[in-house]
Amino acid sequence: MARDLYEELGVKRDASAEEIKKAYRALAAKLHPDKNPGNKVAEARFKAVNHANQVLSDAKKRKLYDEFGEEGLREGFDADAYRNYRRAAAGGARFRRGQPQNLEDLFGAGAGGGGGAGFGDLFGDLFASGNARARPNTPSKGGDVASEVTVDFAAALEGAQLKLTLQDGGEPVTVRVPKGADNGDKVRVPGHGAPGRMGGPPGDLIIAIRVRPHPYFERDGLDLYLDLPISVGEAYDGAKVRVPTPEGHVTLSIPRHAQSGQVVRLKGKGVTRQSKHGDLYVRFLVRLPDSDSDEIKKAIDTLNQAMPESLRDEIHF
C-alpha cells in the first residue's frame, strides 16, 4: 500500500504551505541521488518525496487527495461522478451476510427507484476523457494514459526534447519539454494513449514532468535563489565575481563591507517562461579558511579587535 503523502513528508494533515515546502527541501537535500550514489532505497524515497510535494504543494491537487486519496489524482478523474457513486453505494441495497450479491443489482435500475445509473456507467464516467460520454456501439476516442518523466534542473529551465520508449514496444515518442518547465507541469502527446473504441481515435499520452533538485539553486515560481560563498577579502574590499544564470554567466559586483546573509537581486536573470522573466536572488555567505596557521590566527585576532563589542546587543525577543 502506498504511504500517506503527509507521512512521506513528515508533516501533519493541516500543515501550512510553508511547512510543506520546508519539509520537502530538507528531505530532498538529504535524499538527493548525488549524495546517495547507488543507494536504491534513497532513490526510491527521493521519488516518493518529490511526488508527495507535487501533490501537497498544489492547492487543487491537495484538496482532491484529502477527499479521495490517490484515486483523485488520476488523469481524467471526475469528482462529481465519484461522489455520485459513493451516494449510490450508501443509499442502495446492503450486502446480506452469506449471500453473494450482483453489483449490477446494487447500482442498476432497481436500486433506489427506476432509471438509476448502472454500475458500469458510474465507473465509466469516473475516468472518462473529456466531457463526452461513450455510447454503446458508436466510435469513441480512447482514454488518456498518464506517465511521468524526470528531467534535470537545467534541462527544465532551458527546455529539451526527449525520446521516450513506450511499453507497447512501438516507435519512440518525441516529447518537448517547454522552456521554464516546473514540477507538475504536463505535456500532452496526441494519439499515444489507449486505443479507441469501435474504430475511434486513440487517446493521448499525458506526461507529468518531475524536476530533479539542483545542488546549489532553489526555485520558487519564476525566481531563483543562490547562496554564493565569498572570501573575507571580497566582502571587505568589494569585488567583481562571475555568477552562473540560466542564460549564461554574468558579472556581479560585491559591494564593499558586504555582510554574510546580505542579498542582492539580479533582475530578469531567473526563469524565463512564456516571455515572462523571474529574478535571481544571490545571498552572500562569507567563508573563513578551514585550515590552521599562525598567519591566519594572527589575521583573525586583528579582525576581532576591529569588531564592535556591542555586536549582538540588539538581539532580543
Protein backbone atom coordinates (compact mmCIF):
# COMPACT_ATOMS: atom_id res chain seq x y z
CA MET A 1 0.00 0.00 0.00
CA ALA A 2 1.30 3.45 -0.90
CA ARG A 3 2.41 5.53 2.04
CA ASP A 4 0.29 8.51 3.08
CA LEU A 5 1.71 11.63 1.40
CA TYR A 6 1.67 13.64 4.62
CA GLU A 7 3.61 10.88 6.37
CA GLU A 8 6.02 10.82 3.43
CA LEU A 9 6.98 14.43 4.15
CA GLY A 10 6.67 14.06 7.92
CA VAL A 11 4.04 16.81 8.30
CA LYS A 12 0.57 16.96 9.82
CA ARG A 13 -2.52 16.95 7.61
CA ASP A 14 -3.21 20.58 8.49
CA ALA A 15 0.34 21.68 7.68
CA SER A 16 0.70 25.08 6.01
CA ALA A 17 2.17 25.52 2.52
CA GLU A 18 5.36 26.90 4.08
CA GLU A 19 5.71 23.90 6.41
CA ILE A 20 5.30 21.54 3.45
CA LYS A 21 7.90 23.43 1.42
CA LYS A 22 10.36 23.41 4.33
CA ALA A 23 9.92 19.68 4.97
CA TYR A 24 10.32 18.87 1.27
CA ARG A 25 13.51 20.89 0.87
CA ALA A 26 15.10 19.23 3.88
CA LEU A 27 14.26 15.72 2.66
CA ALA A 28 15.22 16.44 -0.96
CA ALA A 29 18.63 17.71 0.12
CA LYS A 30 19.17 14.62 2.29
CA LEU A 31 17.96 12.06 -0.26
CA HIS A 32 19.31 13.59 -3.48
CA PRO A 33 20.93 10.93 -5.73
CA ASP A 34 24.17 12.95 -5.88
CA LYS A 35 24.52 12.45 -2.12
CA ASN A 36 23.47 8.79 -2.24
CA PRO A 37 25.10 7.28 -5.35
CA GLY A 38 23.91 3.72 -5.97
CA ASN A 39 21.54 3.75 -2.98
CA LYS A 40 18.29 2.35 -4.42
CA VAL A 41 16.39 2.85 -1.19
CA ALA A 42 17.29 6.54 -1.06
CA GLU A 43 16.48 6.89 -4.76
CA ALA A 44 13.02 5.38 -4.30
CA ARG A 45 12.35 7.57 -1.26
CA PHE A 46 13.56 10.63 -3.19
CA LYS A 47 10.98 9.94 -5.91
CA ALA A 48 8.25 9.39 -3.33
CA VAL A 49 9.09 12.67 -1.57
CA ASN A 50 9.01 14.51 -4.89
CA HIS A 51 5.59 13.04 -5.66
CA ALA A 52 4.25 13.98 -2.24
CA ASN A 53 5.49 17.54 -2.63
CA GLN A 54 3.95 17.89 -6.09
CA VAL A 55 0.56 16.95 -4.73
CA LEU A 56 0.55 18.73 -1.38
CA SER A 57 2.11 21.97 -2.68
CA ASP A 58 -0.69 22.30 -5.26
CA ALA A 59 -3.87 23.51 -3.54
CA LYS A 60 -6.19 21.87 -6.08
CA LYS A 61 -4.41 18.51 -6.03
CA ARG A 62 -4.16 18.59 -2.25
CA LYS A 63 -7.91 19.11 -1.95
CA LEU A 64 -8.59 16.14 -4.25
CA TYR A 65 -6.12 13.97 -2.33
CA ASP A 66 -7.63 14.89 1.03
CA GLU A 67 -11.10 13.87 -0.18
CA PHE A 68 -10.41 10.93 -2.49
CA GLY A 69 -6.84 9.76 -1.83
CA GLU A 70 -4.55 8.72 -4.69
CA GLU A 71 -7.54 7.88 -6.90
CA GLY A 72 -8.38 11.58 -7.07
CA LEU A 73 -5.01 12.28 -8.74
CA ARG A 74 -5.60 10.04 -11.76
CA GLU A 75 -5.83 11.67 -15.16
CA GLY A 76 -9.45 12.34 -16.13
CA PHE A 77 -10.78 11.82 -12.59
CA ASP A 78 -14.34 13.13 -12.22
CA ALA A 79 -15.00 14.17 -8.62
CA ASP A 80 -18.74 14.63 -9.14
CA ALA A 81 -19.11 11.15 -10.66
CA TYR A 82 -17.22 9.63 -7.76
CA ARG A 83 -19.43 11.42 -5.23
CA ASN A 84 -22.48 10.12 -7.09
CA TYR A 85 -21.05 6.61 -6.88
CA ARG A 86 -20.50 6.90 -3.14
CA ARG A 87 -24.01 8.24 -2.60
CA ALA A 88 -25.43 5.40 -4.67
CA ALA A 89 -23.40 2.89 -2.70
CA ALA A 90 -24.53 4.36 0.60
CA GLY A 91 -28.22 4.53 -0.36
CA GLY A 92 -28.52 1.27 -2.28
CA ALA A 93 -29.15 -2.29 -1.13
CA ARG A 94 -26.98 -3.64 1.67
CA PHE A 95 -24.96 -6.83 1.48
CA ARG A 96 -26.59 -9.73 3.26
CA ARG A 97 -24.19 -11.92 5.17
CA GLY A 98 -23.55 -15.24 3.45
CA GLN A 99 -25.40 -14.31 0.27
CA PRO A 100 -23.45 -13.21 -2.81
CA GLN A 101 -24.74 -10.05 -4.42
CA ASN A 102 -24.74 -8.92 -8.05
CA LEU A 103 -23.10 -5.50 -8.22
CA GLU A 104 -25.39 -4.58 -11.12
CA ASP A 105 -28.31 -5.13 -8.74
CA LEU A 106 -26.85 -2.63 -6.31
CA PHE A 107 -26.46 0.17 -8.86
CA GLY A 108 -28.88 -0.84 -11.61
CA ALA A 109 -32.32 0.45 -12.44
CA GLY A 110 -33.81 -1.35 -9.46
CA ALA A 111 -31.67 0.41 -6.86
CA GLY A 112 -33.45 3.30 -5.19
CA GLY A 113 -36.18 3.53 -7.85
CA GLY A 114 -36.28 3.27 -11.63
CA GLY A 115 -33.92 4.98 -14.03
CA GLY A 116 -30.84 4.88 -11.77
CA ALA A 117 -27.31 4.85 -13.25
CA GLY A 118 -25.74 1.44 -13.79
CA PHE A 119 -22.55 0.24 -12.12
CA GLY A 120 -20.65 0.37 -15.41
CA ASP A 121 -21.94 3.86 -16.18
CA LEU A 122 -20.73 5.23 -12.85
CA PHE A 123 -17.19 3.97 -13.30
CA GLY A 124 -17.21 4.88 -16.98
CA ASP A 125 -17.95 8.48 -16.02
CA LEU A 126 -15.36 8.41 -13.25
CA PHE A 127 -12.38 8.23 -15.58
CA ALA A 128 -13.92 9.39 -18.84
CA SER A 129 -11.71 11.52 -21.07
CA GLY A 130 -13.25 14.91 -21.75
CA ASN A 131 -16.91 15.72 -21.36
CA ALA A 132 -18.34 13.31 -23.92
CA ARG A 133 -19.78 10.06 -22.61
CA ALA A 134 -19.17 6.98 -24.73
CA ARG A 135 -22.33 5.46 -26.20
CA PRO A 136 -22.73 1.76 -26.95
CA ASN A 137 -21.78 0.60 -30.45
CA THR A 138 -20.55 4.01 -31.55
CA PRO A 139 -16.94 5.02 -32.25
CA SER A 140 -15.33 6.88 -29.35
CA LYS A 141 -11.91 8.19 -28.52
CA GLY A 142 -9.68 6.06 -26.34
CA GLY A 143 -8.79 7.10 -22.83
CA ASP A 144 -5.74 9.16 -21.96
CA VAL A 145 -2.72 7.39 -20.48
CA ALA A 146 -0.73 9.06 -17.70
CA SER A 147 3.02 8.72 -17.26
CA GLU A 148 5.87 10.83 -15.94
CA VAL A 149 9.44 11.73 -16.82
CA THR A 150 12.21 13.16 -14.64
CA VAL A 151 14.46 15.86 -16.09
CA ASP A 152 17.48 17.74 -14.79
CA PHE A 153 17.04 21.20 -13.30
CA ALA A 154 18.95 22.86 -16.15
CA ALA A 155 17.00 20.97 -18.85
CA ALA A 156 13.72 22.15 -17.33
CA LEU A 157 14.88 25.77 -17.38
CA GLU A 158 16.36 25.65 -20.88
CA GLY A 159 13.79 23.34 -22.48
CA ALA A 160 14.62 19.98 -24.02
CA GLN A 161 13.46 17.28 -26.41
CA LEU A 162 13.27 13.74 -25.07
CA LYS A 163 12.76 10.43 -26.88
CA LEU A 164 10.69 8.03 -24.82
CA THR A 165 10.18 4.33 -25.49
CA LEU A 166 6.63 3.19 -24.79
CA GLN A 167 5.81 -0.05 -23.04
CA ASP A 168 3.91 -1.33 -26.07
CA GLY A 169 7.17 -1.55 -27.99
CA GLY A 170 6.16 0.96 -30.65
CA GLU A 171 8.24 3.71 -32.17
CA PRO A 172 9.91 6.10 -29.71
CA VAL A 173 7.89 9.20 -28.94
CA THR A 174 9.48 12.65 -29.04
CA VAL A 175 8.38 14.82 -26.13
CA ARG A 176 9.21 18.52 -25.99
CA VAL A 177 9.79 19.89 -22.50
CA PRO A 178 8.97 23.60 -22.76
CA LYS A 179 11.42 26.23 -21.56
CA GLY A 180 10.87 27.07 -17.92
CA ALA A 181 9.01 23.83 -17.14
CA ASP A 182 8.33 23.22 -13.45
CA ASN A 183 7.43 20.28 -11.24
CA GLY A 184 3.95 19.02 -12.01
CA ASP A 185 3.68 20.55 -15.49
CA LYS A 186 2.10 18.24 -18.04
CA VAL A 187 2.84 17.62 -21.71
CA ARG A 188 0.19 16.12 -23.97
CA VAL A 189 1.30 13.79 -26.78
CA PRO A 190 -1.72 13.27 -29.08
CA GLY A 191 -2.57 9.79 -30.35
CA HIS A 192 -0.40 7.75 -27.98
CA GLY A 193 -3.00 6.85 -25.36
CA ALA A 194 -5.38 3.91 -25.13
CA PRO A 195 -6.90 2.55 -28.39
CA GLY A 196 -10.24 3.98 -29.45
CA ARG A 197 -13.49 2.05 -29.26
CA MET A 198 -15.28 0.78 -32.35
CA GLY A 199 -12.70 2.34 -34.66
CA GLY A 200 -12.49 5.64 -32.80
CA PRO A 201 -9.19 7.54 -32.49
CA PRO A 202 -6.70 6.67 -29.77
CA GLY A 203 -6.42 8.80 -26.66
CA ASP A 204 -3.45 10.92 -25.70
CA LEU A 205 -0.36 10.34 -23.61
CA ILE A 206 -0.18 12.78 -20.69
CA ILE A 207 3.35 13.17 -19.33
CA ALA A 208 3.88 14.74 -15.90
CA ILE A 209 7.26 16.45 -15.53
CA ARG A 210 9.36 15.90 -12.43
CA VAL A 211 12.41 18.15 -11.95
CA ARG A 212 15.47 16.97 -10.04
CA PRO A 213 16.54 19.44 -7.33
CA HIS A 214 19.73 21.40 -8.04
CA PRO A 215 22.63 21.19 -5.56
CA TYR A 216 23.05 24.99 -5.49
CA PHE A 217 19.96 26.70 -6.93
CA GLU A 218 16.44 26.72 -5.49
CA ARG A 219 13.36 27.74 -7.43
CA ASP A 220 10.19 29.48 -6.32
CA GLY A 221 7.90 30.17 -9.27
CA LEU A 222 9.99 32.14 -11.76
CA ASP A 223 12.58 33.26 -9.19
CA LEU A 224 15.86 31.52 -8.43
CA TYR A 225 17.88 31.61 -5.21
CA LEU A 226 21.64 31.03 -4.86
CA ASP A 227 23.95 31.02 -1.83
CA LEU A 228 27.28 32.43 -3.03
CA PRO A 229 30.43 31.80 -0.96
CA ILE A 230 32.78 34.80 -0.82
CA SER A 231 36.07 35.39 0.98
CA VAL A 232 36.66 37.82 3.83
CA GLY A 233 38.70 39.99 1.49
CA GLU A 234 35.96 40.09 -1.15
CA ALA A 235 33.42 41.04 1.49
CA TYR A 236 35.57 43.78 2.98
CA ASP A 237 37.06 45.34 -0.16
CA GLY A 238 34.28 44.53 -2.61
CA ALA A 239 34.91 42.54 -5.77
CA LYS A 240 33.56 41.50 -9.14
CA VAL A 241 32.74 37.80 -9.47
CA ARG A 242 31.18 35.58 -12.14
CA VAL A 243 27.81 34.07 -11.31
CA PRO A 244 26.03 31.38 -13.38
CA THR A 245 22.48 32.03 -14.60
CA PRO A 246 20.15 30.07 -16.91
CA GLU A 247 21.26 32.36 -19.78
CA GLY A 248 25.00 32.09 -19.03
CA HIS A 249 27.48 33.70 -16.64
CA VAL A 250 27.13 37.33 -15.60
CA THR A 251 29.41 39.62 -13.60
CA LEU A 252 28.16 40.51 -10.13
CA SER A 253 29.60 43.37 -8.07
CA ILE A 254 30.06 42.59 -4.38
CA PRO A 255 29.72 45.89 -2.50
CA ARG A 256 32.38 46.99 -0.02
CA HIS A 257 31.80 45.75 3.52
CA ALA A 258 29.26 43.16 2.37
CA GLN A 259 27.83 41.08 5.20
CA SER A 260 27.16 37.35 5.32
CA GLY A 261 23.48 36.83 4.57
CA GLN A 262 23.18 40.05 2.54
CA VAL A 263 21.04 39.53 -0.57
CA VAL A 264 21.27 41.22 -3.96
CA ARG A 265 18.80 40.83 -6.82
CA LEU A 266 19.73 40.27 -10.44
CA LYS A 267 16.61 41.42 -12.24
CA GLY A 268 15.41 39.23 -15.09
CA LYS A 269 18.09 36.57 -14.51
CA GLY A 270 15.76 33.94 -13.12
CA VAL A 271 13.47 31.55 -15.01
CA THR A 272 12.14 32.51 -18.44
CA ARG A 273 8.71 31.11 -19.26
CA GLN A 274 6.32 32.24 -21.98
CA SER A 275 8.02 35.67 -22.34
CA LYS A 276 7.95 36.22 -18.56
CA HIS A 277 11.20 36.54 -16.62
CA GLY A 278 11.91 35.91 -12.97
CA ASP A 279 14.76 37.28 -10.88
CA LEU A 280 17.88 35.71 -9.39
CA TYR A 281 18.46 36.40 -5.70
CA VAL A 282 22.07 35.95 -4.57
CA ARG A 283 22.86 35.66 -0.87
CA PHE A 284 26.46 36.24 0.22
CA LEU A 285 27.99 33.71 2.60
CA VAL A 286 31.34 34.88 3.96
CA ARG A 287 33.65 31.88 4.23
CA LEU A 288 36.63 31.59 6.55
CA PRO A 289 39.68 29.41 5.89
CA ASP A 290 39.26 25.84 7.12
CA SER A 291 42.97 25.31 7.74
CA ASP A 292 45.13 26.35 10.72
CA SER A 293 48.24 28.50 10.61
CA ASP A 294 49.88 31.22 12.67
CA GLU A 295 49.27 33.78 9.92
CA ILE A 296 45.54 33.01 9.79
CA LYS A 297 45.27 33.13 13.59
CA LYS A 298 47.01 36.49 13.66
CA ALA A 299 44.71 37.87 10.96
CA ILE A 300 41.61 36.64 12.81
CA ASP A 301 42.82 38.23 16.04
CA THR A 302 43.27 41.51 14.20
CA LEU A 303 39.71 41.25 12.81
CA ASN A 304 38.30 40.52 16.27
CA GLN A 305 39.93 43.63 17.69
CA ALA A 306 38.28 45.71 14.97
CA MET A 307 34.77 44.36 15.67
CA PRO A 308 32.48 46.39 17.97
CA GLU A 309 31.87 44.97 21.46
CA SER A 310 28.10 45.51 21.09
CA LEU A 311 27.87 43.24 18.03
CA ARG A 312 24.99 41.17 19.44
CA ASP A 313 23.47 43.56 21.98
CA GLU A 314 20.48 44.39 19.75
CA ILE A 315 19.31 40.77 19.51
CA HIS A 316 16.24 40.22 21.74
CA PHE A 317 12.70 38.83 21.77
